[in-house]
Amino acid sequence: MSNVHEAISQHSKKQHNHIQSFLKLEAKRESLIEEAIQLCVSSLPYEVDNINQVTGEMNRLASEGIVPTRKTVTKEMVQEFVRKKYGK
C-alpha cells in the first residue's frame, strides 16, 4: 500500500513542478511581450525571437500534458495589438 502512496506523491510532485515551470515561463513570456509592445508604441525596433524561444519551451512542456500550448508571436500580431489598443 505504501508504494501506491509513494507513486501518487511522486506523480503529484512531478505535476506541481511541471506547472511551476510553466508559470515561470508564462511570466517571462508576458514580460517579453510587454517589452515588445512598449518598443512598438515608441516606434523603436523590436524582435519576437526571444518571445518565441520561451513559447517553444512552453509548448514542449505542454506536449508532456497538463499545461496549455501558446501561439507563436509575430511582429504583425504586436503591431495589430498596438494599433487597436493605442491607435498607432
Protein backbone atom coordinates (compact mmCIF):
# COMPACT_ATOMS: atom_id res chain seq x y z
CA MET A 1 0.00 0.00 0.00
CA SER A 2 2.80 2.45 0.78
CA ASN A 3 4.18 2.02 -2.75
CA VAL A 4 0.89 3.31 -4.11
CA HIS A 5 1.07 6.35 -1.81
CA GLU A 6 4.67 6.97 -2.82
CA ALA A 7 3.77 6.72 -6.51
CA ILE A 8 0.88 9.14 -6.06
CA SER A 9 3.09 11.55 -4.13
CA GLN A 10 5.79 11.40 -6.78
CA HIS A 11 3.25 11.93 -9.54
CA SER A 12 1.72 14.91 -7.71
CA LYS A 13 5.15 16.42 -7.10
CA LYS A 14 6.07 15.98 -10.77
CA GLN A 15 2.85 17.68 -11.87
CA HIS A 16 3.39 20.52 -9.39
CA ASN A 17 6.94 21.09 -10.68
CA HIS A 18 5.65 20.93 -14.26
CA ILE A 19 3.05 23.62 -13.55
CA GLN A 20 5.53 25.80 -11.67
CA SER A 21 7.95 25.66 -14.60
CA PHE A 22 5.14 26.60 -16.95
CA LEU A 23 4.08 29.56 -14.77
CA LYS A 24 7.64 30.90 -14.65
CA LEU A 25 7.89 30.67 -18.44
CA GLU A 26 4.46 32.30 -18.79
CA ALA A 27 5.57 35.27 -16.68
CA LYS A 28 8.78 35.59 -18.70
CA ARG A 29 6.83 35.40 -21.98
CA GLU A 30 4.34 38.05 -20.85
CA SER A 31 7.19 40.33 -19.81
CA LEU A 32 8.88 39.94 -23.20
CA ILE A 33 5.59 40.61 -25.00
CA GLU A 34 5.03 43.76 -22.93
CA GLU A 35 8.57 44.90 -23.76
CA ALA A 36 7.91 44.39 -27.49
CA ILE A 37 4.63 46.30 -27.21
CA GLN A 38 6.30 49.25 -25.50
CA LEU A 39 9.06 49.36 -28.11
CA CYS A 40 6.45 49.24 -30.88
CA VAL A 41 4.44 52.03 -29.23
CA SER A 42 7.62 54.11 -29.16
CA SER A 43 8.31 53.29 -32.82
CA LEU A 44 11.55 51.55 -31.83
CA PRO A 45 12.81 48.32 -33.38
CA TYR A 46 11.90 45.07 -31.64
CA GLU A 47 12.14 41.34 -32.25
CA VAL A 48 9.86 38.47 -31.32
CA ASP A 49 12.52 35.73 -31.46
CA ASN A 50 13.07 35.78 -27.69
CA ILE A 51 9.30 35.58 -27.10
CA ASN A 52 9.06 32.58 -29.41
CA GLN A 53 12.00 30.85 -27.80
CA VAL A 54 10.12 30.93 -24.49
CA THR A 55 6.93 29.92 -26.33
CA GLY A 56 8.77 26.89 -27.70
CA GLU A 57 9.84 25.88 -24.19
CA MET A 58 6.24 26.25 -23.01
CA ASN A 59 4.94 24.15 -25.88
CA ARG A 60 7.49 21.42 -25.12
CA LEU A 61 6.13 21.32 -21.57
CA ALA A 62 2.60 21.24 -22.98
CA SER A 63 3.47 18.21 -25.10
CA GLU A 64 4.04 16.33 -21.83
CA GLY A 65 0.48 17.12 -20.70
CA ILE A 66 -1.49 19.22 -18.18
CA VAL A 67 -0.47 22.70 -19.38
CA PRO A 68 -1.76 24.54 -22.46
CA THR A 69 0.14 25.44 -25.59
CA ARG A 70 0.81 29.03 -26.61
CA LYS A 71 0.79 30.59 -30.07
CA THR A 72 3.92 31.80 -31.78
CA VAL A 73 4.02 35.61 -31.79
CA THR A 74 4.67 37.58 -34.97
CA LYS A 75 5.67 41.21 -35.38
CA GLU A 76 2.35 41.72 -37.13
CA MET A 77 0.50 40.50 -34.05
CA VAL A 78 2.33 43.04 -31.89
CA GLN A 79 1.64 45.82 -34.39
CA GLU A 80 -2.04 44.91 -34.61
CA PHE A 81 -2.35 44.92 -30.82
CA VAL A 82 -0.68 48.33 -30.60
CA ARG A 83 -2.87 49.71 -33.37
CA LYS A 84 -6.05 48.51 -31.66
CA LYS A 85 -5.11 49.47 -28.12
CA TYR A 86 -3.15 52.68 -28.71
CA GLY A 87 -4.39 53.77 -32.11
CA LYS A 88 -0.86 53.80 -33.50
